[in-house]
Amino acid sequence: MKLLAQAQASKRRFVVRHAGNPVISEPLGGEILYDELIEGASTECAAEPMDAEDALFILYTSGSTGMPKGVVHTTAGYMVATATTLQTVFDIHDDDVWWCTADVGWITGHSYCVYAPLLTGTTSLIYEGAPDYPEPDALWRVVERNAVTKFLYGANDHPPPHAFRGEMATWLRPQLSQDLGTVGEPINPEAWVWYYEHVGRLRCPIMDTWWQTETGCFMISPLPVSALKPGSATEASTRHRSGCRGPKRQACSARARRTARNNDAVAVDAPHVVQ
């Protein structure tokens, strides 16, 4: 209601009846119910041809490192980059169930909740709720119930997965995902190890990604075949996009291993981790 009161200049407001709550028209009125609007509409909608450099969307940065600025992402470059990085970094297959926990209002949600899964035809889960409500294992119940295989945790939007680890450790279920990812706030080596041991059960490689609102997609990240090191995002993703698949995987893994050795390590006895 407070938001509606601030929208005096708005003549029409589209309302999606999602939670079953009554729609209150006062004080502005003019609400249009989405379900009534689309009733009888065609289920087909032809795609609009666009030029490669046509603007796709404008998204403002958070302002945490300076004055917020509107970032314009164009059509072709953004969509190719997000689709390619989702496929390569998380090794997406037709039978995967993908879950990115990020808020769709941020760049992570734009890229890896909406655009990349749709572009790659990936079955994608979108969840509305807190990661620790109604119980500390809320995330893992959703993972188990929906047979999620690839999981990307948005630390900008939720507490890091180790923040409530004292409660969660006894709730975790083993071997639910094939690949785990983290995005947003930097994940320190201790948190990385906890995530790898307690959530991944020493069998799921962690894709620790680095990127920005300005880039729109992963810029530094490992691959599932990379040699990993806690606290290191390994190497630039542009190298992955240049052909780190098939026969070249061993060479890519060797490069990642050399890069990782330059970073401080936390000792973990596991097949994916460089000591």
C-alpha atoms as a PDB file:
ATOM      1  CA  MET A   1       0.000   0.000   0.000  1.00  0.00           C
ATOM      2  CA  LYS A   2       2.866   2.362   0.788  1.00  0.00           C
ATOM      3  CA  LEU A   3       4.375   1.687  -2.614  1.00  0.00           C
ATOM      4  CA  LEU A   4       1.040   2.345  -4.310  1.00  0.00           C
ATOM      5  CA  ALA A   5       0.752   5.634  -2.477  1.00  0.00           C
ATOM      6  CA  GLN A   6       4.098   6.661  -3.946  1.00  0.00           C
ATOM      7  CA  ALA A   7       2.967   5.828  -7.497  1.00  0.00           C
ATOM      8  CA  GLN A   8       0.680   8.821  -7.985  1.00  0.00           C
ATOM      9  CA  ALA A   9       1.885   9.337 -11.565  1.00  0.00           C
ATOM     10  CA  SER A  10       0.976   5.773 -12.505  1.00  0.00           C
ATOM     11  CA  LYS A  11      -2.369   5.391 -14.240  1.00  0.00           C
ATOM     12  CA  ARG A  12      -2.372   1.616 -14.520  1.00  0.00           C
ATOM     13  CA  ARG A  13      -0.871  -1.099 -12.344  1.00  0.00           C
ATOM     14  CA  PHE A  14      -0.758  -4.766 -13.289  1.00  0.00           C
ATOM     15  CA  VAL A  15      -1.411  -7.088 -10.358  1.00  0.00           C
ATOM     16  CA  VAL A  16      -0.462 -10.771 -10.320  1.00  0.00           C
ATOM     17  CA  ARG A  17      -2.589 -12.664  -7.796  1.00  0.00           C
ATOM     18  CA  HIS A  18       0.157 -14.862  -6.478  1.00  0.00           C
ATOM     19  CA  ALA A  19      -0.388 -15.457  -2.774  1.00  0.00           C
ATOM     20  CA  GLY A  20      -4.191 -15.475  -2.787  1.00  0.00           C
ATOM     21  CA  ASN A  21      -4.485 -12.226  -0.823  1.00  0.00           C
ATOM     22  CA  PRO A  22      -7.356  -9.830  -1.618  1.00  0.00           C
ATOM     23  CA  VAL A  23      -6.524  -7.009  -4.036  1.00  0.00           C
ATOM     24  CA  ILE A  24      -7.077  -3.597  -2.446  1.00  0.00           C
ATOM     25  CA  SER A  25      -7.864  -0.877  -4.997  1.00  0.00           C
ATOM     26  CA  GLU A  26      -7.767   2.093  -2.654  1.00  0.00           C
ATOM     27  CA  PRO A  27      -6.497   4.750  -2.615  1.00  0.00           C
ATOM     28  CA  LEU A  28      -5.497   4.902  -6.299  1.00  0.00           C
ATOM     29  CA  GLY A  29      -7.575   2.336  -8.114  1.00  0.00           C
ATOM     30  CA  GLY A  30      -6.776   1.390 -11.715  1.00  0.00           C
ATOM     31  CA  GLU A  31      -5.359  -2.071 -10.972  1.00  0.00           C
ATOM     32  CA  ILE A  32      -5.489  -4.552 -13.854  1.00  0.00           C
ATOM     33  CA  LEU A  33      -5.502  -8.212 -12.840  1.00  0.00           C
ATOM     34  CA  TYR A  34      -2.968 -10.128 -14.889  1.00  0.00           C
ATOM     35  CA  ASP A  35      -4.906 -13.407 -14.976  1.00  0.00           C
ATOM     36  CA  GLU A  36      -7.968 -11.608 -16.361  1.00  0.00           C
ATOM     37  CA  LEU A  37      -5.868  -9.698 -18.891  1.00  0.00           C
ATOM     38  CA  ILE A  38      -4.356 -12.836 -20.475  1.00  0.00           C
ATOM     39  CA  GLU A  39      -7.568 -14.870 -20.406  1.00  0.00           C
ATOM     40  CA  GLY A  40      -8.190 -16.102 -23.936  1.00  0.00           C
ATOM     41  CA  ALA A  41      -4.832 -14.802 -25.206  1.00  0.00           C
ATOM     42  CA  SER A  42      -2.805 -16.896 -27.640  1.00  0.00           C
ATOM     43  CA  THR A  43      -0.089 -19.100 -26.180  1.00  0.00           C
ATOM     44  CA  GLU A  44       2.161 -18.250 -29.140  1.00  0.00           C
ATOM     45  CA  CYS A  45       4.209 -15.087 -29.375  1.00  0.00           C
ATOM     46  CA  ALA A  46       6.572 -14.564 -32.292  1.00  0.00           C
ATOM     47  CA  ALA A  47      10.066 -13.404 -31.368  1.00  0.00           C
ATOM     48  CA  GLU A  48      10.956  -9.862 -32.413  1.00  0.00           C
ATOM     49  CA  PRO A  49      14.079  -9.725 -34.625  1.00  0.00           C
ATOM     50  CA  MET A  50      16.755  -7.554 -32.993  1.00  0.00           C
ATOM     51  CA  ASP A  51      20.122  -6.212 -34.046  1.00  0.00           C
ATOM     52  CA  ALA A  52      23.165  -7.482 -32.134  1.00  0.00           C
ATOM     53  CA  GLU A  53      23.804  -4.095 -30.526  1.00  0.00           C
ATOM     54  CA  ASP A  54      20.189  -3.270 -29.659  1.00  0.00           C
ATOM     55  CA  ALA A  55      19.803  -2.504 -25.951  1.00  0.00           C
ATOM     56  CA  LEU A  56      18.445  -5.489 -24.030  1.00  0.00           C
ATOM     57  CA  PHE A  57      18.061  -3.961 -20.560  1.00  0.00           C
ATOM     58  CA  ILE A  58      19.472  -1.336 -18.212  1.00  0.00           C
ATOM     59  CA  LEU A  59      20.421  -2.416 -14.693  1.00  0.00           C
ATOM     60  CA  TYR A  60      21.792  -0.147 -12.001  1.00  0.00           C
ATOM     61  CA  THR A  61      24.796  -1.169  -9.934  1.00  0.00           C
ATOM     62  CA  SER A  62      24.386  -1.415  -6.168  1.00  0.00           C
ATOM     63  CA  GLY A  63      26.629   1.551  -5.430  1.00  0.00           C
ATOM     64  CA  SER A  64      28.737  -0.398  -2.928  1.00  0.00           C
ATOM     65  CA  THR A  65      31.933   0.678  -4.711  1.00  0.00           C
ATOM     66  CA  GLY A  66      30.849   4.160  -5.778  1.00  0.00           C
ATOM     67  CA  MET A  67      27.950   6.105  -7.254  1.00  0.00           C
ATOM     68  CA  PRO A  68      25.291   3.774  -8.731  1.00  0.00           C
ATOM     69  CA  LYS A  69      25.333   3.775 -12.511  1.00  0.00           C
ATOM     70  CA  GLY A  70      23.013   2.387 -15.126  1.00  0.00           C
ATOM     71  CA  VAL A  71      24.648  -0.435 -17.100  1.00  0.00           C
ATOM     72  CA  VAL A  72      23.293  -1.088 -20.595  1.00  0.00           C
ATOM     73  CA  HIS A  73      23.605  -4.670 -21.806  1.00  0.00           C
ATOM     74  CA  THR A  74      23.082  -5.268 -25.502  1.00  0.00           C
ATOM     75  CA  THR A  75      21.298  -8.206 -27.069  1.00  0.00           C
ATOM     76  CA  ALA A  76      23.794 -10.529 -28.749  1.00  0.00           C
ATOM     77  CA  GLY A  77      26.908 -10.210 -26.610  1.00  0.00           C
ATOM     78  CA  TYR A  78      25.067 -10.559 -23.308  1.00  0.00           C
ATOM     79  CA  MET A  79      22.966 -13.530 -24.361  1.00  0.00           C
ATOM     80  CA  VAL A  80      25.859 -15.429 -25.958  1.00  0.00           C
ATOM     81  CA  ALA A  81      28.031 -14.849 -22.894  1.00  0.00           C
ATOM     82  CA  THR A  82      25.459 -15.909 -20.293  1.00  0.00           C
ATOM     83  CA  ALA A  83      24.372 -19.012 -22.203  1.00  0.00           C
ATOM     84  CA  THR A  84      27.959 -20.098 -22.905  1.00  0.00           C
ATOM     85  CA  THR A  85      29.194 -19.586 -19.354  1.00  0.00           C
ATOM     86  CA  LEU A  86      26.255 -21.485 -17.860  1.00  0.00           C
ATOM     87  CA  GLN A  87      26.881 -24.413 -20.186  1.00  0.00           C
ATOM     88  CA  THR A  88      30.647 -24.574 -19.718  1.00  0.00           C
ATOM     89  CA  VAL A  89      31.131 -23.612 -16.074  1.00  0.00           C
ATOM     90  CA  PHE A  90      28.313 -25.844 -14.819  1.00  0.00           C
ATOM     91  CA  ASP A  91      28.473 -28.495 -17.551  1.00  0.00           C
ATOM     92  CA  ILE A  92      24.736 -28.288 -18.188  1.00  0.00           C
ATOM     93  CA  HIS A  93      23.008 -31.308 -19.758  1.00  0.00           C
ATOM     94  CA  ASP A  94      19.458 -31.928 -20.919  1.00  0.00           C
ATOM     95  CA  ASP A  95      18.493 -33.864 -17.793  1.00  0.00           C
ATOM     96  CA  ASP A  96      19.855 -31.307 -15.299  1.00  0.00           C
ATOM     97  CA  VAL A  97      17.687 -29.351 -12.866  1.00  0.00           C
ATOM     98  CA  TRP A  98      19.324 -25.961 -12.289  1.00  0.00           C
ATOM     99  CA  TRP A  99      18.786 -23.710  -9.289  1.00  0.00           C
ATOM    100  CA  CYS A 100      20.311 -20.254  -8.906  1.00  0.00           C
ATOM    101  CA  THR A 101      19.164 -18.796  -5.575  1.00  0.00           C
ATOM    102  CA  ALA A 102      19.821 -15.151  -6.505  1.00  0.00           C
ATOM    103  CA  ASP A 103      17.217 -12.394  -6.479  1.00  0.00           C
ATOM    104  CA  VAL A 104      16.039 -11.859 -10.073  1.00  0.00           C
ATOM    105  CA  GLY A 105      16.350  -8.101  -9.543  1.00  0.00           C
ATOM    106  CA  TRP A 106      20.155  -8.295  -9.437  1.00  0.00           C
ATOM    107  CA  ILE A 107      22.483  -9.156 -12.304  1.00  0.00           C
ATOM    108  CA  THR A 108      22.947 -12.722 -11.040  1.00  0.00           C
ATOM    109  CA  GLY A 109      19.205 -13.268 -11.199  1.00  0.00           C
ATOM    110  CA  HIS A 110      18.940 -11.628 -14.610  1.00  0.00           C
ATOM    111  CA  SER A 111      21.739 -13.732 -16.062  1.00  0.00           C
ATOM    112  CA  TYR A 112      21.430 -17.112 -14.352  1.00  0.00           C
ATOM    113  CA  CYS A 113      17.800 -17.287 -13.198  1.00  0.00           C
ATOM    114  CA  VAL A 114      16.252 -15.904 -16.388  1.00  0.00           C
ATOM    115  CA  TYR A 115      18.312 -15.432 -19.547  1.00  0.00           C
ATOM    116  CA  ALA A 116      20.886 -18.249 -19.489  1.00  0.00           C
ATOM    117  CA  PRO A 117      18.481 -21.061 -18.479  1.00  0.00           C
ATOM    118  CA  LEU A 118      15.929 -19.959 -21.071  1.00  0.00           C
ATOM    119  CA  LEU A 119      18.574 -19.639 -23.782  1.00  0.00           C
ATOM    120  CA  THR A 120      19.984 -23.099 -23.070  1.00  0.00           C
ATOM    121  CA  GLY A 121      16.608 -24.779 -22.564  1.00  0.00           C
ATOM    122  CA  THR A 122      17.579 -25.749 -19.021  1.00  0.00           C
ATOM    123  CA  THR A 123      15.014 -26.879 -16.476  1.00  0.00           C
ATOM    124  CA  SER A 124      15.299 -24.134 -13.861  1.00  0.00           C
ATOM    125  CA  LEU A 125      13.948 -23.788 -10.331  1.00  0.00           C
ATOM    126  CA  ILE A 126      12.941 -20.385  -8.912  1.00  0.00           C
ATOM    127  CA  TYR A 127      12.306 -20.199  -5.179  1.00  0.00           C
ATOM    128  CA  GLU A 128      10.544 -17.505  -3.188  1.00  0.00           C
ATOM    129  CA  GLY A 129      11.550 -17.447   0.478  1.00  0.00           C
ATOM    130  CA  ALA A 130      14.372 -17.261   2.991  1.00  0.00           C
ATOM    131  CA  PRO A 131      17.114 -19.918   2.942  1.00  0.00           C
ATOM    132  CA  ASP A 132      16.612 -20.794   6.631  1.00  0.00           C
ATOM    133  CA  TYR A 133      12.805 -20.589   6.966  1.00  0.00           C
ATOM    134  CA  PRO A 134      10.809 -22.398   8.263  1.00  0.00           C
ATOM    135  CA  GLU A 135      13.774 -24.598   9.250  1.00  0.00           C
ATOM    136  CA  PRO A 136      17.548 -24.218   8.834  1.00  0.00           C
ATOM    137  CA  ASP A 137      17.537 -26.834   6.084  1.00  0.00           C
ATOM    138  CA  ALA A 138      15.009 -25.048   3.859  1.00  0.00           C
ATOM    139  CA  LEU A 139      17.435 -24.883   0.926  1.00  0.00           C
ATOM    140  CA  TRP A 140      18.280 -28.557   1.078  1.00  0.00           C
ATOM    141  CA  ARG A 141      14.639 -29.612   1.378  1.00  0.00           C
ATOM    142  CA  VAL A 142      13.970 -27.736  -1.869  1.00  0.00           C
ATOM    143  CA  VAL A 143      17.017 -29.374  -3.482  1.00  0.00           C
ATOM    144  CA  GLU A 144      15.867 -32.832  -2.435  1.00  0.00           C
ATOM    145  CA  ARG A 145      12.204 -32.338  -3.293  1.00  0.00           C
ATOM    146  CA  ASN A 146      12.984 -31.058  -6.802  1.00  0.00           C
ATOM    147  CA  ALA A 147      15.996 -33.299  -7.544  1.00  0.00           C
ATOM    148  CA  VAL A 148      18.278 -30.301  -8.179  1.00  0.00           C
ATOM    149  CA  THR A 149      21.544 -31.344  -9.828  1.00  0.00           C
ATOM    150  CA  LYS A 150      23.327 -27.986 -10.311  1.00  0.00           C
ATOM    151  CA  PHE A 151      23.200 -25.358  -7.553  1.00  0.00           C
ATOM    152  CA  LEU A 152      24.453 -21.736  -7.580  1.00  0.00           C
ATOM    153  CA  TYR A 153      24.260 -19.869  -4.274  1.00  0.00           C
ATOM    154  CA  GLY A 154      23.890 -16.085  -4.446  1.00  0.00           C
ATOM    155  CA  ALA A 155      25.725 -14.791  -1.373  1.00  0.00           C
ATOM    156  CA  ASN A 156      24.729 -11.201  -2.163  1.00  0.00           C
ATOM    157  CA  ASP A 157      21.081 -12.053  -1.679  1.00  0.00           C
ATOM    158  CA  HIS A 158      21.266 -14.517   1.240  1.00  0.00           C
ATOM    159  CA  PRO A 159      23.610 -15.172   4.152  1.00  0.00           C
ATOM    160  CA  PRO A 160      26.576 -17.296   3.052  1.00  0.00           C
ATOM    161  CA  PRO A 161      25.768 -21.003   3.423  1.00  0.00           C
ATOM    162  CA  HIS A 162      28.213 -21.388   6.319  1.00  0.00           C
ATOM    163  CA  ALA A 163      26.731 -18.458   8.298  1.00  0.00           C
ATOM    164  CA  PHE A 164      24.257 -20.725  10.079  1.00  0.00           C
ATOM    165  CA  ARG A 165      26.361 -23.866   9.718  1.00  0.00           C
ATOM    166  CA  GLY A 166      26.020 -24.830  13.381  1.00  0.00           C
ATOM    167  CA  GLU A 167      22.312 -25.498  12.867  1.00  0.00           C
ATOM    168  CA  MET A 168      22.495 -26.723   9.309  1.00  0.00           C
ATOM    169  CA  ALA A 169      25.230 -29.302   9.629  1.00  0.00           C
ATOM    170  CA  THR A 170      22.892 -31.877  11.142  1.00  0.00           C
ATOM    171  CA  TRP A 171      20.196 -31.240   8.526  1.00  0.00           C
ATOM    172  CA  LEU A 172      22.229 -31.623   5.360  1.00  0.00           C
ATOM    173  CA  ARG A 173      21.544 -34.477   3.005  1.00  0.00           C
ATOM    174  CA  PRO A 174      24.479 -35.970   1.069  1.00  0.00           C
ATOM    175  CA  GLN A 175      25.025 -36.222  -2.663  1.00  0.00           C
ATOM    176  CA  LEU A 176      22.177 -34.068  -3.903  1.00  0.00           C
ATOM    177  CA  SER A 177      23.971 -32.019  -6.564  1.00  0.00           C
ATOM    178  CA  GLN A 178      26.612 -32.626  -9.194  1.00  0.00           C
ATOM    179  CA  ASP A 179      28.121 -29.120  -9.207  1.00  0.00           C
ATOM    180  CA  LEU A 180      27.996 -26.361  -6.603  1.00  0.00           C
ATOM    181  CA  GLY A 181      28.581 -22.684  -7.258  1.00  0.00           C
ATOM    182  CA  THR A 182      28.968 -19.442  -5.370  1.00  0.00           C
ATOM    183  CA  VAL A 183      28.548 -15.867  -6.554  1.00  0.00           C
ATOM    184  CA  GLY A 184      28.457 -12.435  -4.945  1.00  0.00           C
ATOM    185  CA  GLU A 185      30.479 -11.865  -1.808  1.00  0.00           C
ATOM    186  CA  PRO A 186      33.972 -13.445  -1.845  1.00  0.00           C
ATOM    187  CA  ILE A 187      34.039 -16.892  -0.262  1.00  0.00           C
ATOM    188  CA  ASN A 188      37.020 -17.343   2.044  1.00  0.00           C
ATOM    189  CA  PRO A 189      38.960 -20.626   2.169  1.00  0.00           C
ATOM    190  CA  GLU A 190      37.333 -21.794   5.435  1.00  0.00           C
ATOM    191  CA  ALA A 191      33.828 -21.228   4.047  1.00  0.00           C
ATOM    192  CA  TRP A 192      34.836 -22.924   0.796  1.00  0.00           C
ATOM    193  CA  VAL A 193      35.998 -26.012   2.700  1.00  0.00           C
ATOM    194  CA  TRP A 194      32.780 -26.125   4.729  1.00  0.00           C
ATOM    195  CA  TYR A 195      30.681 -25.842   1.571  1.00  0.00           C
ATOM    196  CA  TYR A 196      32.723 -28.572  -0.127  1.00  0.00           C
ATOM    197  CA  GLU A 197      32.690 -30.983   2.816  1.00  0.00           C
ATOM    198  CA  HIS A 198      29.198 -30.548   4.260  1.00  0.00           C
ATOM    199  CA  VAL A 199      27.120 -29.661   1.197  1.00  0.00           C
ATOM    200  CA  GLY A 200      29.114 -31.311  -1.591  1.00  0.00           C
ATOM    201  CA  ARG A 201      30.209 -34.284   0.545  1.00  0.00           C
ATOM    202  CA  LEU A 202      33.686 -34.158  -1.045  1.00  0.00           C
ATOM    203  CA  ARG A 203      32.244 -35.142  -4.427  1.00  0.00           C
ATOM    204  CA  CYS A 204      30.858 -31.924  -5.957  1.00  0.00           C
ATOM    205  CA  PRO A 205      33.340 -29.435  -7.466  1.00  0.00           C
ATOM    206  CA  ILE A 206      32.728 -25.823  -6.415  1.00  0.00           C
ATOM    207  CA  MET A 207      32.519 -23.206  -9.150  1.00  0.00           C
ATOM    208  CA  ASP A 208      33.697 -20.084  -7.320  1.00  0.00           C
ATOM    209  CA  THR A 209      32.831 -17.320  -9.800  1.00  0.00           C
ATOM    210  CA  TRP A 210      33.939 -13.702 -10.084  1.00  0.00           C
ATOM    211  CA  TRP A 211      32.198 -11.096 -12.222  1.00  0.00           C
ATOM    212  CA  GLN A 212      30.312  -7.787 -12.091  1.00  0.00           C
ATOM    213  CA  THR A 213      27.059  -6.121 -13.065  1.00  0.00           C
ATOM    214  CA  GLU A 214      29.086  -4.486 -15.824  1.00  0.00           C
ATOM    215  CA  THR A 215      30.251  -7.806 -17.316  1.00  0.00           C
ATOM    216  CA  GLY A 216      26.914  -9.624 -17.079  1.00  0.00           C
ATOM    217  CA  CYS A 217      28.494 -13.091 -16.915  1.00  0.00           C
ATOM    218  CA  PHE A 218      31.236 -15.079 -15.187  1.00  0.00           C
ATOM    219  CA  MET A 219      34.674 -13.635 -15.963  1.00  0.00           C
ATOM    220  CA  ILE A 220      36.854 -15.722 -13.633  1.00  0.00           C
ATOM    221  CA  SER A 221      35.834 -19.242 -12.657  1.00  0.00           C
ATOM    222  CA  PRO A 222      36.989 -22.863 -12.702  1.00  0.00           C
ATOM    223  CA  LEU A 223      35.454 -25.658 -14.732  1.00  0.00           C
ATOM    224  CA  PRO A 224      34.138 -28.936 -13.286  1.00  0.00           C
ATOM    225  CA  VAL A 225      37.343 -30.569 -14.571  1.00  0.00           C
ATOM    226  CA  SER A 226      39.653 -27.902 -13.108  1.00  0.00           C
ATOM    227  CA  ALA A 227      41.992 -28.481 -10.209  1.00  0.00           C
ATOM    228  CA  LEU A 228      40.445 -26.415  -7.419  1.00  0.00           C
ATOM    229  CA  LYS A 229      41.924 -24.494  -4.528  1.00  0.00           C
ATOM    230  CA  PRO A 230      39.874 -23.041  -1.623  1.00  0.00           C
ATOM    231  CA  GLY A 231      39.603 -19.274  -1.913  1.00  0.00           C
ATOM    232  CA  SER A 232      40.752 -19.155  -5.549  1.00  0.00           C
ATOM    233  CA  ALA A 233      38.497 -18.618  -8.561  1.00  0.00           C
ATOM    234  CA  THR A 234      41.337 -20.072 -10.714  1.00  0.00           C
ATOM    235  CA  GLU A 235      41.470 -18.410 -14.132  1.00  0.00           C
ATOM    236  CA  ALA A 236      39.713 -16.162 -16.649  1.00  0.00           C
ATOM    237  CA  SER A 237      36.513 -17.594 -18.118  1.00  0.00           C
ATOM    238  CA  THR A 238      37.387 -16.215 -21.553  1.00  0.00           C
ATOM    239  CA  ARG A 239      39.873 -19.073 -21.825  1.00  0.00           C
ATOM    240  CA  HIS A 240      37.043 -21.530 -21.091  1.00  0.00           C
ATOM    241  CA  ARG A 241      34.956 -20.011 -23.867  1.00  0.00           C
ATOM    242  CA  SER A 242      37.817 -20.417 -26.337  1.00  0.00           C
ATOM    243  CA  GLY A 243      37.574 -24.201 -26.318  1.00  0.00           C
ATOM    244  CA  CYS A 244      38.257 -25.932 -22.983  1.00  0.00           C
ATOM    245  CA  ARG A 245      36.118 -28.944 -23.840  1.00  0.00           C
ATOM    246  CA  GLY A 246      36.637 -32.360 -25.384  1.00  0.00           C
ATOM    247  CA  PRO A 247      40.301 -33.240 -26.137  1.00  0.00           C
ATOM    248  CA  LYS A 248      41.488 -29.887 -24.719  1.00  0.00           C
ATOM    249  CA  ARG A 249      40.172 -30.566 -21.209  1.00  0.00           C
ATOM    250  CA  GLN A 250      43.449 -32.009 -19.927  1.00  0.00           C
ATOM    251  CA  ALA A 251      45.414 -28.976 -21.116  1.00  0.00           C
ATOM    252  CA  CYS A 252      42.847 -26.632 -19.551  1.00  0.00           C
ATOM    253  CA  SER A 253      42.996 -28.531 -16.269  1.00  0.00           C
ATOM    254  CA  ALA A 254      46.792 -28.307 -16.294  1.00  0.00           C
ATOM    255  CA  ARG A 255      46.638 -24.539 -16.803  1.00  0.00           C
ATOM    256  CA  ALA A 256      44.140 -24.229 -13.960  1.00  0.00           C
ATOM    257  CA  ARG A 257      46.403 -26.317 -11.733  1.00  0.00           C
ATOM    258  CA  ARG A 258      49.398 -24.071 -12.441  1.00  0.00           C
ATOM    259  CA  THR A 259      47.290 -20.970 -11.727  1.00  0.00           C
ATOM    260  CA  ALA A 260      45.899 -22.414  -8.502  1.00  0.00           C
ATOM    261  CA  ARG A 261      49.342 -23.221  -7.115  1.00  0.00           C
ATOM    262  CA  ASN A 262      50.078 -19.510  -6.967  1.00  0.00           C
ATOM    263  CA  ASN A 263      47.348 -19.053  -4.338  1.00  0.00           C
ATOM    264  CA  ASP A 264      47.360 -19.878  -0.632  1.00  0.00           C
ATOM    265  CA  ALA A 265      45.874 -23.275   0.152  1.00  0.00           C
ATOM    266  CA  VAL A 266      43.735 -24.826   2.849  1.00  0.00           C
ATOM    267  CA  ALA A 267      44.499 -28.523   3.171  1.00  0.00           C
ATOM    268  CA  VAL A 268      41.605 -30.709   2.021  1.00  0.00           C
ATOM    269  CA  ASP A 269      41.919 -34.390   1.222  1.00  0.00           C
ATOM    270  CA  ALA A 270      39.660 -34.575  -1.812  1.00  0.00           C
ATOM    271  CA  PRO A 271      39.978 -35.508  -5.503  1.00  0.00           C
ATOM    272  CA  HIS A 272      39.191 -32.042  -6.889  1.00  0.00           C
ATOM    273  CA  VAL A 273      41.503 -30.027  -4.662  1.00  0.00           C
ATOM    274  CA  VAL A 274      45.122 -29.014  -5.203  1.00  0.00           C
ATOM    275  CA  GLN A 275      47.199 -29.171  -2.035  1.00  0.00           C
END
